[in-house]
Amino acid sequence: MLPESKNSTFRSEKRRLHKKAPFLRLRAGMIQAIRRFFVNRDYLEVETPCLIPAPPPEIHIDAVHAGANYLHTSPEICMKRLLSADFSKIFQISRCFRAGERGTLHLPEFSLLEWYRTGIDYHVLMDECAELVLSLSDELKTGNPIRYQGREIDLSAPWSKISVHDAFDRYAPMTLETALKRDCFDEIMVREIEPQLVSEGPIFLYDYPACFAALARLKPDNPALAERFEIYMGGLELANGFSELTDAVEQRDRFEKEYQKRQLLGKECYPMPEKFLISLEHLPEAAGVAVGIDRLAMIFSNTATIDDVVAFTPEEL
């Protein structure tokens, strides 16, 4: 027989998990509906390794060591290698890992949905994102509009769109150009712009400065901007997508610049992902997006913390 203290600990955990049961059931139904959405559109579900030798070097994302290798921060580079080998429509739901990420909206281990499709750009991909969310609301029977943290969110298409440049003009105390010169872009985004995106329902924020899009294609008519978008819903940043950069030489140059930035900050510099760069020479026009499964579950569950939609947080292990 277990000591009473251990029985008490177990009973406490059981109560905690029972409180999460509605969220976990909704999350399970949502993931099943995601798979149906993509299978019905002739996407191939793929699985790529979590353990990789060389993650892409991005200044604000740190990989977790696993022996001589790393746990991937996203399946992006492996999935693009599949695109280069003529897998034209692919999706994946995967566990991802990022060092030092913990908060009400962040976990060091989390779930991502990523999908990629050749022959399209980021505008077509935006439409498909809206179609996915509307399909999920139908299957989950959440209704439309849905309620999230006291606000109604109308999921009906078309969703609102605003360029980063226009968002700065509308909401920020300075222009985009000034924010870039003063190196306070991220600060202005978090403090001034993102809070204003809460009341507008689902919204695409698009055309980011080129320096904030390490793997995205630049706009042909304005190379100072990248064909990148993010989705905000109920105040949550939900997704990050873009038209894919297909120039291996330019991609290598961008990676090297990211390495230099990481060195200046005293961060680790990973090995160059050479096999990815080789495959990039054969990548056709394509677009791809990553959607946070946990945050999407938060939206449909109407909960303000990511802890509610996962069975165990790091502190509970």
Protein backbone atom coordinates (compact mmCIF):
# COMPACT_ATOMS: atom_id res chain seq x y z
CA MET A 1 0.00 0.00 0.00
CA LEU A 2 1.28 3.49 -0.93
CA PRO A 3 1.99 6.00 1.85
CA GLU A 4 -0.81 8.53 2.34
CA SER A 5 1.40 11.36 1.08
CA LYS A 6 1.84 9.59 -2.28
CA ASN A 7 -1.87 8.81 -2.48
CA SER A 8 -2.59 12.46 -1.82
CA THR A 9 -0.20 13.51 -4.58
CA PHE A 10 -1.87 11.15 -7.03
CA ARG A 11 -5.36 12.34 -6.10
CA SER A 12 -4.28 15.93 -6.64
CA GLU A 13 -2.91 15.08 -10.08
CA LYS A 14 -6.04 13.17 -10.99
CA ARG A 15 -8.20 16.19 -10.11
CA ARG A 16 -5.94 18.44 -12.18
CA LEU A 17 -6.15 16.17 -15.21
CA HIS A 18 -9.92 15.81 -14.89
CA LYS A 19 -10.24 19.61 -15.04
CA LYS A 20 -8.27 19.56 -18.29
CA ALA A 21 -10.37 16.77 -19.81
CA PRO A 22 -12.71 19.03 -21.89
CA PHE A 23 -9.72 20.91 -23.32
CA LEU A 24 -7.83 17.71 -24.13
CA ARG A 25 -10.87 16.20 -25.84
CA LEU A 26 -11.38 19.33 -27.93
CA ARG A 27 -7.68 19.34 -28.83
CA ALA A 28 -7.87 15.71 -29.95
CA GLY A 29 -10.92 16.43 -32.10
CA MET A 30 -9.20 19.47 -33.58
CA ILE A 31 -6.11 17.47 -34.60
CA GLN A 32 -8.29 14.79 -36.21
CA ALA A 33 -10.18 17.52 -38.11
CA ILE A 34 -6.89 19.08 -39.28
CA ARG A 35 -5.83 15.75 -40.76
CA ARG A 36 -9.16 15.36 -42.58
CA PHE A 37 -8.89 18.89 -43.99
CA PHE A 38 -5.52 18.22 -45.60
CA VAL A 39 -6.17 14.63 -46.70
CA ASN A 40 -9.35 15.80 -48.43
CA ARG A 41 -7.22 18.33 -50.33
CA ASP A 42 -4.74 15.69 -51.49
CA TYR A 43 -1.95 16.71 -49.13
CA LEU A 44 0.45 13.99 -48.07
CA GLU A 45 1.08 13.70 -44.35
CA VAL A 46 4.81 13.31 -43.69
CA GLU A 47 7.02 12.68 -40.70
CA THR A 48 10.52 14.09 -40.52
CA PRO A 49 13.14 13.53 -37.79
CA CYS A 50 13.08 15.57 -34.59
CA LEU A 51 16.81 14.96 -34.14
CA ILE A 52 18.85 16.89 -36.71
CA PRO A 53 22.53 17.87 -37.08
CA ALA A 54 22.02 21.50 -38.12
CA PRO A 55 19.02 23.72 -37.29
CA PRO A 56 18.57 26.94 -39.26
CA PRO A 57 20.32 29.88 -37.55
CA GLU A 58 17.66 32.37 -36.48
CA ILE A 59 18.64 35.13 -34.11
CA HIS A 60 15.70 34.81 -31.68
CA ILE A 61 15.29 31.01 -31.71
CA ASP A 62 17.63 28.73 -29.76
CA ALA A 63 17.78 24.99 -30.36
CA VAL A 64 18.02 22.35 -27.64
CA HIS A 65 21.13 20.13 -27.64
CA ALA A 66 20.63 16.36 -27.85
CA GLY A 67 24.06 14.77 -27.73
CA ALA A 68 26.01 15.82 -30.82
CA ASN A 69 22.77 16.87 -32.54
CA TYR A 70 19.81 19.16 -31.88
CA LEU A 71 16.08 18.79 -31.39
CA HIS A 72 14.46 20.63 -34.26
CA THR A 73 12.83 24.00 -33.62
CA SER A 74 10.51 23.29 -36.56
CA PRO A 75 10.36 20.65 -39.31
CA GLU A 76 10.86 23.35 -41.93
CA ILE A 77 14.18 22.48 -43.53
CA CYS A 78 13.44 18.75 -43.80
CA MET A 79 10.01 19.44 -45.28
CA LYS A 80 11.51 21.76 -47.88
CA ARG A 81 13.92 19.01 -48.88
CA LEU A 82 10.85 16.89 -49.61
CA LEU A 83 9.35 19.74 -51.65
CA SER A 84 12.56 19.87 -53.68
CA ALA A 85 12.17 16.15 -54.42
CA ASP A 86 8.74 16.71 -56.04
CA PHE A 87 6.49 16.16 -53.00
CA SER A 88 4.26 19.06 -54.03
CA LYS A 89 1.65 19.20 -51.20
CA ILE A 90 2.73 18.09 -47.73
CA PHE A 91 1.73 18.67 -44.13
CA GLN A 92 3.01 17.58 -40.74
CA ILE A 93 1.93 17.81 -37.10
CA SER A 94 5.10 17.57 -35.05
CA ARG A 95 6.60 18.13 -31.63
CA CYS A 96 9.14 20.97 -31.63
CA PHE A 97 11.62 22.25 -29.09
CA ARG A 98 13.05 25.68 -28.29
CA ALA A 99 15.35 26.55 -25.43
CA GLY A 100 14.29 29.10 -22.83
CA GLU A 101 10.67 29.47 -23.93
CA ARG A 102 8.18 29.37 -21.05
CA GLY A 103 5.21 31.55 -20.23
CA THR A 104 1.43 31.65 -20.45
CA LEU A 105 1.75 31.37 -24.25
CA HIS A 106 5.03 29.44 -24.57
CA LEU A 107 6.36 25.98 -23.82
CA PRO A 108 9.87 24.61 -24.46
CA GLU A 109 8.20 21.57 -26.09
CA PHE A 110 5.16 22.33 -28.20
CA SER A 111 3.17 21.19 -31.25
CA LEU A 112 3.31 22.75 -34.70
CA LEU A 113 1.24 22.21 -37.81
CA GLU A 114 3.25 23.00 -40.93
CA TRP A 115 2.19 22.67 -44.53
CA TYR A 116 3.85 23.48 -47.84
CA ARG A 117 2.58 23.63 -51.37
CA THR A 118 4.37 24.27 -54.64
CA GLY A 119 3.13 26.60 -57.35
CA ILE A 120 1.60 29.21 -55.01
CA ASP A 121 2.63 32.36 -53.16
CA TYR A 122 1.80 33.73 -49.73
CA HIS A 123 -1.50 35.30 -50.83
CA VAL A 124 -2.95 31.91 -51.82
CA LEU A 125 -1.62 30.48 -48.58
CA MET A 126 -3.41 33.15 -46.54
CA ASP A 127 -6.70 32.07 -48.09
CA GLU A 128 -6.00 28.44 -47.23
CA CYS A 129 -5.27 29.37 -43.60
CA ALA A 130 -8.69 31.01 -43.30
CA GLU A 131 -10.34 28.00 -44.94
CA LEU A 132 -8.67 25.67 -42.44
CA VAL A 133 -9.87 27.61 -39.40
CA LEU A 134 -13.42 27.87 -40.77
CA SER A 135 -13.41 24.14 -41.46
CA LEU A 136 -12.28 23.43 -37.90
CA SER A 137 -15.01 25.62 -36.41
CA ASP A 138 -17.59 23.67 -38.43
CA GLU A 139 -16.25 20.26 -37.38
CA LEU A 140 -15.83 21.23 -33.74
CA LYS A 141 -19.30 22.83 -33.75
CA THR A 142 -18.00 25.93 -31.99
CA GLY A 143 -20.27 28.18 -34.02
CA ASN A 144 -19.38 31.42 -35.74
CA PRO A 145 -18.59 33.89 -34.34
CA ILE A 146 -16.67 32.18 -31.58
CA ARG A 147 -16.01 33.74 -28.19
CA TYR A 148 -12.50 34.12 -26.84
CA GLN A 149 -11.73 35.83 -23.55
CA GLY A 150 -14.85 37.97 -23.60
CA ARG A 151 -14.59 38.95 -27.27
CA GLU A 152 -16.44 37.71 -30.32
CA ILE A 153 -14.28 36.60 -33.23
CA ASP A 154 -16.03 36.39 -36.59
CA LEU A 155 -14.21 33.72 -38.61
CA SER A 156 -16.03 34.48 -41.86
CA ALA A 157 -13.86 35.11 -44.90
CA PRO A 158 -12.33 37.31 -46.10
CA TRP A 159 -10.17 38.05 -43.09
CA SER A 160 -8.72 41.52 -42.53
CA LYS A 161 -5.25 42.29 -43.82
CA ILE A 162 -2.83 45.06 -42.92
CA SER A 163 0.76 45.54 -44.02
CA VAL A 164 3.45 46.02 -41.40
CA HIS A 165 4.15 49.47 -42.89
CA ASP A 166 0.49 50.52 -42.57
CA ALA A 167 0.28 49.06 -39.04
CA PHE A 168 3.16 51.30 -37.97
CA ASP A 169 1.52 54.32 -39.61
CA ARG A 170 -1.79 53.57 -37.90
CA TYR A 171 -0.75 52.42 -34.43
CA ALA A 172 2.89 53.22 -33.68
CA PRO A 173 4.43 56.46 -32.35
CA MET A 174 7.04 56.34 -35.12
CA THR A 175 7.36 55.13 -38.69
CA LEU A 176 8.57 51.68 -39.62
CA GLU A 177 11.75 53.17 -41.04
CA THR A 178 12.49 55.01 -37.79
CA ALA A 179 11.86 51.89 -35.72
CA LEU A 180 14.31 49.93 -37.87
CA LYS A 181 16.96 52.64 -37.56
CA ARG A 182 16.55 52.77 -33.77
CA ASP A 183 16.53 48.96 -33.51
CA CYS A 184 13.20 48.94 -31.66
CA PHE A 185 10.98 47.14 -34.17
CA ASP A 186 10.17 44.23 -31.84
CA GLU A 187 9.51 46.54 -28.90
CA ILE A 188 7.05 48.66 -30.90
CA MET A 189 5.36 45.57 -32.28
CA VAL A 190 4.75 44.09 -28.83
CA ARG A 191 3.90 47.30 -26.99
CA GLU A 192 2.00 49.35 -29.57
CA ILE A 193 0.81 47.25 -32.51
CA GLU A 194 -0.09 43.75 -31.30
CA PRO A 195 -2.55 45.05 -28.64
CA GLN A 196 -4.44 46.87 -31.41
CA LEU A 197 -4.93 43.66 -33.38
CA VAL A 198 -7.18 42.17 -30.69
CA SER A 199 -10.39 43.92 -31.71
CA GLU A 200 -10.17 43.27 -35.44
CA GLY A 201 -10.94 39.54 -35.42
CA PRO A 202 -8.63 37.28 -37.40
CA ILE A 203 -6.11 39.47 -39.18
CA PHE A 204 -3.13 38.96 -41.45
CA LEU A 205 -0.14 41.18 -40.76
CA TYR A 206 1.97 40.97 -43.91
CA ASP A 207 4.99 42.27 -45.85
CA TYR A 208 7.62 42.27 -43.11
CA PRO A 209 10.96 44.08 -43.42
CA ALA A 210 13.47 41.88 -45.21
CA CYS A 211 15.68 41.69 -42.11
CA PHE A 212 12.88 39.86 -40.25
CA ALA A 213 12.41 37.05 -42.76
CA ALA A 214 15.43 34.77 -42.82
CA LEU A 215 13.88 32.14 -45.13
CA ALA A 216 11.24 34.12 -47.04
CA ARG A 217 11.29 35.41 -50.59
CA LEU A 218 11.68 39.16 -51.07
CA LYS A 219 9.05 41.11 -52.96
CA PRO A 220 10.20 41.50 -56.60
CA ASP A 221 8.95 45.09 -56.77
CA ASN A 222 10.30 46.06 -53.34
CA PRO A 223 13.24 43.97 -52.05
CA ALA A 224 13.21 45.88 -48.75
CA LEU A 225 10.17 43.78 -47.86
CA ALA A 226 9.62 40.03 -47.62
CA GLU A 227 6.54 38.06 -48.67
CA ARG A 228 5.83 36.99 -45.11
CA PHE A 229 2.67 37.10 -42.98
CA GLU A 230 1.56 36.35 -39.45
CA ILE A 231 -1.95 35.61 -38.24
CA TYR A 232 -3.35 37.23 -35.10
CA MET A 233 -6.58 36.02 -33.55
CA GLY A 234 -7.99 37.15 -30.24
CA GLY A 235 -4.69 38.88 -29.50
CA LEU A 236 -2.67 35.68 -30.03
CA GLU A 237 0.01 35.34 -32.66
CA LEU A 238 -1.12 32.09 -34.25
CA ALA A 239 0.89 31.46 -37.42
CA ASN A 240 3.92 32.49 -39.47
CA GLY A 241 4.01 31.90 -43.21
CA PHE A 242 5.70 33.09 -46.37
CA SER A 243 6.57 32.59 -49.99
CA GLU A 244 9.69 30.45 -49.94
CA LEU A 245 13.13 31.71 -50.84
CA THR A 246 14.46 29.43 -53.58
CA ASP A 247 17.88 31.04 -54.15
CA ALA A 248 20.50 28.88 -52.40
CA VAL A 249 23.22 31.52 -52.71
CA GLU A 250 21.07 34.20 -51.11
CA GLN A 251 19.94 31.76 -48.42
CA ARG A 252 23.54 30.92 -47.50
CA ASP A 253 24.34 34.63 -47.30
CA ARG A 254 21.38 35.21 -44.97
CA PHE A 255 22.41 32.30 -42.76
CA GLU A 256 25.93 33.68 -42.50
CA LYS A 257 24.56 37.06 -41.44
CA GLU A 258 22.40 35.35 -38.80
CA TYR A 259 25.53 33.55 -37.55
CA GLN A 260 27.28 36.91 -37.18
CA LYS A 261 24.35 38.31 -35.19
CA ARG A 262 24.33 35.26 -32.92
CA GLN A 263 28.09 35.59 -32.35
CA LEU A 264 27.70 39.24 -31.36
CA LEU A 265 25.12 38.19 -28.76
CA GLY A 266 27.33 35.37 -27.47
CA LYS A 267 24.95 32.71 -28.77
CA GLU A 268 25.89 29.32 -30.17
CA CYS A 269 26.44 29.08 -33.91
CA TYR A 270 25.16 25.83 -35.39
CA PRO A 271 26.71 23.90 -38.28
CA MET A 272 25.61 25.12 -41.72
CA PRO A 273 22.68 22.96 -43.00
CA GLU A 274 24.47 22.01 -46.20
CA LYS A 275 22.04 19.33 -47.42
CA PHE A 276 19.18 21.78 -47.12
CA LEU A 277 21.10 24.39 -49.14
CA ILE A 278 21.87 21.83 -51.85
CA SER A 279 18.19 20.86 -52.10
CA LEU A 280 17.19 24.53 -52.26
CA GLU A 281 18.74 24.74 -55.72
CA HIS A 282 15.89 22.50 -56.92
CA LEU A 283 13.01 24.02 -54.95
CA PRO A 284 10.20 25.30 -57.20
CA GLU A 285 8.02 28.28 -56.35
CA ALA A 286 6.25 27.40 -53.10
CA ALA A 287 4.76 28.76 -49.91
CA GLY A 288 4.53 27.34 -46.41
CA VAL A 289 3.19 28.17 -42.97
CA ALA A 290 3.57 27.04 -39.36
CA VAL A 291 0.53 27.17 -37.07
CA GLY A 292 0.77 26.73 -33.31
CA ILE A 293 -1.44 23.75 -32.43
CA ASP A 294 -1.44 24.64 -28.73
CA ARG A 295 -2.51 28.24 -29.35
CA LEU A 296 -5.17 27.17 -31.83
CA ALA A 297 -6.51 24.83 -29.14
CA MET A 298 -6.50 27.78 -26.72
CA ILE A 299 -8.66 29.80 -29.12
CA PHE A 300 -11.25 27.05 -29.58
CA SER A 301 -11.17 26.20 -25.85
CA ASN A 302 -11.52 29.86 -24.79
CA THR A 303 -8.64 29.66 -22.33
CA ALA A 304 -5.95 32.27 -21.69
CA THR A 305 -3.09 29.92 -20.77
CA ILE A 306 -1.31 27.29 -22.80
CA ASP A 307 -1.05 25.08 -19.70
CA ASP A 308 -4.76 24.22 -19.98
CA VAL A 309 -4.50 22.56 -23.41
CA VAL A 310 -1.56 20.21 -22.74
CA ALA A 311 -1.66 17.15 -20.50
CA PHE A 312 1.58 17.99 -18.65
CA THR A 313 3.62 21.16 -18.39
CA PRO A 314 7.38 20.96 -17.71
CA GLU A 315 6.78 21.75 -14.03
CA GLU A 316 4.37 18.82 -13.69
CA LEU A 317 6.76 16.14 -14.91
